[in-house]
Amino acid sequence: MRGTSIAMNHSLYGPRRRVKQMFTKVPEITVYFWIVKLLTTAMGESTSDYLVYHINPYLAVILGAAGFVGALILQFAVRKYVAWVYWLLVVMVAIFGTMVADVTHIVLGVPYYASTLAFAVILTVVFTAWYKVEGTLSIHSIHTRRREVFYWAAVLATFAMGTATGDMTATTLHLGYLASGILFIVLFVLPGLGYFLFGLNDIFAFWFAYVMTRPLGASFADWFGKPKSITGLGYGDGIVAAILTILIVAFVGYLSVSRKDVQRRSTTQEYERQLTQL
């Protein structure tokens, strides 16, 4: 009995206590996920550009940072995935991430190719640290606070890098916004084809496509919003941002009601099995 008691105490207060399991805090990867993700990347680009050029740019950055911090606190406060909370933070990451990349280029004078490389290094460091500490980069494994921190650090880095990359191809490489958008459509689709046709690692395919959504959405947002003199269609950043916001609200509202993007137990049971073995 004494040995059994010791064993039970060890399992209750020993290694198992090191991992505090939560309900999953991220959505299932469906077609709706990619649609809303692309809409948020485009909306973040247009909204950031509109704010920076229509109010004091320093005030715009402060507002962007405040919105990002507020949405981040809200996301970490909820105990499970809530569609509007999750996507609110993604939107604020899109806006603030765009501002960070633009400030790096416009205020600090860092060339787009240099900022793209710098943000790529930061993203690589985040992924490396995440994998070294947790042993996985799967979006279906976001069940602890630490993994949630790694996840959002990676998301923020992808937005900043994607913004710089899209601006680099459009301006530094002189492709223009439409050609850049087409280029990133191809790069976005490639990992999916690799996964379905050639068995490409699903986690690598997901994160590669995820990174590409940022310059893809931003390129088309700029194409619609920027003046014709710089290869845009000239509709204006404000109009584009407003239309994209309406679309995002509609899709997120639908997901909130239908719950089609809520991860089911079947997608997380393997992780739960691993927890019981700790």
Protein backbone atom coordinates (compact mmCIF):
# COMPACT_ATOMS: atom_id res chain seq x y z
CA MET A 1 0.00 0.00 0.00
CA ARG A 2 2.80 2.38 0.85
CA GLY A 3 4.45 1.74 -2.52
CA THR A 4 1.15 2.25 -4.30
CA SER A 5 0.57 5.51 -2.43
CA ILE A 6 4.00 6.78 -3.36
CA ALA A 7 3.42 5.88 -7.01
CA MET A 8 0.06 7.67 -7.02
CA ASN A 9 1.55 10.75 -5.42
CA HIS A 10 4.32 10.72 -7.98
CA SER A 11 1.85 10.57 -10.85
CA LEU A 12 -0.31 13.31 -9.40
CA TYR A 13 2.35 15.72 -8.22
CA GLY A 14 5.40 14.65 -10.20
CA PRO A 15 5.94 14.74 -13.98
CA ARG A 16 2.25 15.07 -14.90
CA ARG A 17 2.03 18.36 -13.07
CA ARG A 18 4.55 19.92 -15.43
CA VAL A 19 2.05 20.01 -18.28
CA LYS A 20 -1.16 21.93 -17.74
CA GLN A 21 -3.59 20.90 -20.44
CA MET A 22 -6.07 23.39 -21.87
CA PHE A 23 -8.83 23.13 -24.40
CA THR A 24 -7.48 23.80 -27.87
CA LYS A 25 -7.24 27.53 -28.57
CA VAL A 26 -6.85 27.47 -32.37
CA PRO A 27 -9.27 26.52 -35.18
CA GLU A 28 -9.34 23.42 -37.34
CA ILE A 29 -7.67 23.85 -40.74
CA THR A 30 -10.54 23.98 -43.23
CA VAL A 31 -11.25 25.97 -46.37
CA TYR A 32 -12.88 28.57 -44.11
CA PHE A 33 -9.60 28.97 -42.22
CA TRP A 34 -7.70 29.83 -45.40
CA ILE A 35 -10.42 32.17 -46.67
CA VAL A 36 -10.55 34.20 -43.44
CA LYS A 37 -6.76 34.11 -43.11
CA LEU A 38 -6.32 35.61 -46.59
CA LEU A 39 -8.98 38.22 -45.88
CA THR A 40 -7.25 39.26 -42.66
CA THR A 41 -3.86 39.61 -44.35
CA ALA A 42 -5.34 41.84 -47.01
CA MET A 43 -7.40 43.81 -44.50
CA GLY A 44 -4.37 44.33 -42.25
CA GLU A 45 -2.36 45.77 -45.12
CA SER A 46 -5.08 48.19 -46.22
CA THR A 47 -6.02 49.27 -42.71
CA SER A 48 -2.43 49.86 -41.66
CA ASP A 49 -1.68 51.93 -44.77
CA TYR A 50 -4.88 53.94 -44.36
CA LEU A 51 -4.19 54.76 -40.71
CA VAL A 52 -0.54 55.61 -41.23
CA TYR A 53 -1.28 58.02 -44.10
CA HIS A 54 -4.47 59.59 -42.74
CA ILE A 55 -3.53 60.24 -39.11
CA ASN A 56 -0.26 60.92 -37.32
CA PRO A 57 1.88 57.84 -38.12
CA TYR A 58 3.23 57.64 -34.57
CA LEU A 59 -0.32 57.71 -33.20
CA ALA A 60 -1.28 55.03 -35.72
CA VAL A 61 1.49 52.74 -34.50
CA ILE A 62 0.52 53.35 -30.86
CA LEU A 63 -3.11 52.51 -31.67
CA GLY A 64 -2.01 49.41 -33.55
CA ALA A 65 0.15 48.27 -30.65
CA ALA A 66 -2.63 48.91 -28.13
CA GLY A 67 -5.13 46.97 -30.23
CA PHE A 68 -2.69 44.09 -30.60
CA VAL A 69 -1.95 43.91 -26.86
CA GLY A 70 -5.64 44.13 -25.97
CA ALA A 71 -6.58 41.35 -28.40
CA LEU A 72 -3.66 39.23 -27.16
CA ILE A 73 -4.78 39.57 -23.53
CA LEU A 74 -8.33 38.61 -24.52
CA GLN A 75 -7.14 35.54 -26.46
CA PHE A 76 -5.03 34.33 -23.53
CA ALA A 77 -7.89 34.97 -21.10
CA VAL A 78 -10.40 32.64 -22.78
CA ARG A 79 -10.17 28.95 -21.92
CA LYS A 80 -11.01 27.49 -25.34
CA TYR A 81 -11.24 28.45 -28.99
CA VAL A 82 -13.67 31.31 -29.56
CA ALA A 83 -13.89 32.26 -33.23
CA TRP A 84 -14.32 36.04 -32.89
CA VAL A 85 -11.62 36.30 -30.19
CA TYR A 86 -9.11 34.29 -32.20
CA TRP A 87 -9.72 36.15 -35.46
CA LEU A 88 -9.74 39.53 -33.72
CA LEU A 89 -6.19 38.83 -32.61
CA VAL A 90 -5.22 37.67 -36.12
CA VAL A 91 -6.60 40.93 -37.51
CA MET A 92 -4.64 42.98 -34.98
CA VAL A 93 -1.50 40.97 -35.72
CA ALA A 94 -2.05 41.74 -39.41
CA ILE A 95 -2.39 45.46 -38.76
CA PHE A 96 0.41 45.75 -36.21
CA GLY A 97 2.70 43.36 -38.11
CA THR A 98 2.30 45.52 -41.20
CA MET A 99 3.15 48.62 -39.18
CA VAL A 100 6.27 46.97 -37.74
CA ALA A 101 7.51 46.05 -41.21
CA ASP A 102 6.68 49.49 -42.63
CA VAL A 103 8.35 51.34 -39.74
CA THR A 104 11.44 49.18 -40.23
CA HIS A 105 11.64 50.33 -43.85
CA ILE A 106 10.26 53.88 -43.83
CA VAL A 107 11.44 55.22 -40.45
CA LEU A 108 14.62 53.21 -39.95
CA GLY A 109 15.50 53.12 -43.64
CA VAL A 110 16.13 49.37 -43.75
CA PRO A 111 15.84 48.01 -47.34
CA TYR A 112 13.04 45.52 -47.95
CA TYR A 113 15.44 42.70 -48.79
CA ALA A 114 17.28 43.25 -45.50
CA SER A 115 14.10 43.40 -43.41
CA THR A 116 12.75 40.31 -45.20
CA LEU A 117 15.94 38.44 -44.31
CA ALA A 118 15.88 39.72 -40.72
CA PHE A 119 12.26 38.69 -40.15
CA ALA A 120 12.99 35.33 -41.79
CA VAL A 121 15.80 34.78 -39.29
CA ILE A 122 13.48 35.74 -36.41
CA LEU A 123 10.84 33.31 -37.67
CA THR A 124 13.44 30.56 -37.98
CA VAL A 125 14.59 31.19 -34.41
CA VAL A 126 10.98 31.00 -33.17
CA PHE A 127 10.34 27.73 -35.00
CA THR A 128 13.65 26.25 -33.87
CA ALA A 129 13.07 27.15 -30.23
CA TRP A 130 9.47 25.92 -30.41
CA TYR A 131 10.49 22.55 -31.84
CA LYS A 132 13.45 22.16 -29.50
CA VAL A 133 11.33 22.81 -26.42
CA GLU A 134 8.07 21.09 -27.44
CA GLY A 135 9.14 18.52 -30.05
CA THR A 136 6.38 19.52 -32.49
CA LEU A 137 5.11 22.47 -34.52
CA SER A 138 1.66 20.99 -35.10
CA ILE A 139 -1.27 23.37 -34.88
CA HIS A 140 -3.21 20.47 -33.34
CA SER A 141 -0.89 20.45 -30.33
CA ILE A 142 -1.66 23.92 -28.93
CA HIS A 143 -2.82 22.63 -25.54
CA THR A 144 -0.49 24.42 -23.12
CA ARG A 145 0.22 28.06 -22.36
CA ARG A 146 3.82 27.74 -23.51
CA ARG A 147 2.82 26.30 -26.86
CA GLU A 148 0.29 29.06 -27.26
CA VAL A 149 3.04 31.65 -26.71
CA PHE A 150 5.22 29.96 -29.34
CA TYR A 151 2.29 29.82 -31.74
CA TRP A 152 1.49 33.53 -31.57
CA ALA A 153 5.17 34.49 -31.71
CA ALA A 154 5.39 32.53 -34.97
CA VAL A 155 2.20 34.14 -36.29
CA LEU A 156 3.50 37.65 -35.59
CA ALA A 157 6.84 36.85 -37.23
CA THR A 158 5.12 35.46 -40.34
CA PHE A 159 3.06 38.63 -40.73
CA ALA A 160 6.08 40.94 -40.42
CA MET A 161 8.17 38.84 -42.80
CA GLY A 162 5.31 38.45 -45.27
CA THR A 163 4.71 42.19 -45.39
CA ALA A 164 8.37 42.91 -46.11
CA THR A 165 8.49 40.12 -48.72
CA GLY A 166 5.44 41.38 -50.59
CA ASP A 167 6.76 44.94 -50.64
CA MET A 168 10.16 43.68 -51.80
CA THR A 169 8.75 41.83 -54.81
CA ALA A 170 6.38 44.64 -55.75
CA THR A 171 8.78 47.57 -55.41
CA THR A 172 12.41 46.48 -55.04
CA LEU A 173 12.10 43.77 -57.71
CA HIS A 174 9.66 45.96 -59.72
CA LEU A 175 7.08 43.20 -60.28
CA GLY A 176 4.17 45.40 -59.33
CA TYR A 177 1.28 44.38 -57.10
CA LEU A 178 -0.63 42.13 -59.50
CA ALA A 179 2.41 40.15 -60.63
CA SER A 180 3.49 39.79 -57.00
CA GLY A 181 0.03 38.51 -56.11
CA ILE A 182 0.16 35.91 -58.88
CA LEU A 183 3.63 34.82 -57.76
CA PHE A 184 2.43 34.28 -54.20
CA ILE A 185 -0.68 32.42 -55.39
CA VAL A 186 1.66 29.88 -56.96
CA LEU A 187 3.82 29.69 -53.84
CA PHE A 188 0.70 29.34 -51.67
CA VAL A 189 -0.69 26.46 -53.72
CA LEU A 190 2.58 24.53 -54.11
CA PRO A 191 2.80 23.04 -50.58
CA GLY A 192 -0.81 21.86 -50.84
CA LEU A 193 -0.04 20.09 -54.09
CA GLY A 194 3.10 18.66 -52.55
CA TYR A 195 1.10 17.33 -49.61
CA PHE A 196 -1.73 15.74 -51.62
CA LEU A 197 0.34 14.46 -54.56
CA PHE A 198 3.74 13.65 -53.10
CA GLY A 199 3.19 13.20 -49.36
CA LEU A 200 4.97 16.38 -48.29
CA ASN A 201 5.15 16.70 -44.51
CA ASP A 202 1.83 18.18 -43.42
CA ILE A 203 3.29 20.47 -40.75
CA PHE A 204 5.88 21.91 -43.16
CA ALA A 205 3.20 22.31 -45.85
CA PHE A 206 0.90 24.14 -43.44
CA TRP A 207 3.46 26.64 -42.19
CA PHE A 208 4.88 27.29 -45.67
CA ALA A 209 1.39 28.05 -46.98
CA TYR A 210 0.66 30.10 -43.85
CA VAL A 211 3.70 32.30 -44.45
CA MET A 212 2.66 32.82 -48.09
CA THR A 213 -0.83 34.04 -47.14
CA ARG A 214 0.62 37.29 -45.85
CA PRO A 215 2.34 38.60 -49.01
CA LEU A 216 -0.47 37.09 -51.12
CA GLY A 217 -3.24 38.97 -49.33
CA ALA A 218 -1.19 42.15 -49.01
CA SER A 219 -0.26 42.18 -52.70
CA PHE A 220 -3.89 42.03 -53.84
CA ALA A 221 -4.96 44.55 -51.19
CA ASP A 222 -2.34 46.96 -52.52
CA TRP A 223 -3.33 46.19 -56.10
CA PHE A 224 -6.92 47.19 -55.42
CA GLY A 225 -6.13 50.11 -53.11
CA LYS A 226 -3.01 51.83 -54.41
CA PRO A 227 -3.00 54.51 -57.15
CA LYS A 228 -2.68 53.52 -60.80
CA SER A 229 0.62 55.38 -60.94
CA ILE A 230 2.22 52.62 -58.84
CA THR A 231 0.48 49.64 -60.55
CA GLY A 232 -2.67 49.71 -58.40
CA LEU A 233 -6.32 50.07 -59.43
CA GLY A 234 -6.83 53.19 -57.34
CA TYR A 235 -9.90 52.27 -55.27
CA GLY A 236 -8.27 53.55 -52.07
CA ASP A 237 -7.01 51.80 -48.95
CA GLY A 238 -10.00 52.91 -46.87
CA ILE A 239 -12.60 51.42 -49.25
CA VAL A 240 -10.67 48.17 -49.57
CA ALA A 241 -10.23 47.91 -45.78
CA ALA A 242 -13.96 48.53 -45.19
CA ILE A 243 -15.08 45.87 -47.70
CA LEU A 244 -12.62 43.31 -46.32
CA THR A 245 -13.78 44.06 -42.76
CA ILE A 246 -17.40 43.36 -43.74
CA LEU A 247 -16.38 40.05 -45.34
CA ILE A 248 -14.36 39.02 -42.28
CA VAL A 249 -17.24 39.83 -39.92
CA ALA A 250 -19.61 37.80 -42.12
CA PHE A 251 -17.35 34.73 -42.25
CA VAL A 252 -16.42 34.82 -38.56
CA GLY A 253 -20.08 35.28 -37.65
CA TYR A 254 -20.93 32.20 -39.69
CA LEU A 255 -18.14 30.18 -38.06
CA SER A 256 -19.24 31.30 -34.60
CA VAL A 257 -22.73 29.95 -35.24
CA SER A 258 -21.90 26.86 -37.29
CA ARG A 259 -18.75 25.91 -35.33
CA LYS A 260 -17.39 24.29 -38.48
CA ASP A 261 -13.85 25.25 -37.53
CA VAL A 262 -13.85 23.83 -34.00
CA GLN A 263 -11.27 21.06 -33.60
CA ARG A 264 -12.92 17.75 -32.82
CA ARG A 265 -11.67 15.20 -30.34
CA SER A 266 -10.34 13.02 -33.15
CA THR A 267 -7.77 15.66 -34.04
CA THR A 268 -6.45 15.92 -30.49
CA GLN A 269 -6.78 12.42 -29.06
CA GLU A 270 -3.18 11.52 -29.92
CA TYR A 271 -1.88 14.46 -27.91
CA GLU A 272 -4.16 13.55 -25.01
CA ARG A 273 -2.80 10.00 -25.14
CA GLN A 274 0.73 11.36 -24.89
CA LEU A 275 -0.25 13.45 -21.86
CA THR A 276 -1.42 10.37 -20.00
CA GLN A 277 2.00 8.80 -20.49
CA LEU A 278 3.95 11.66 -18.90
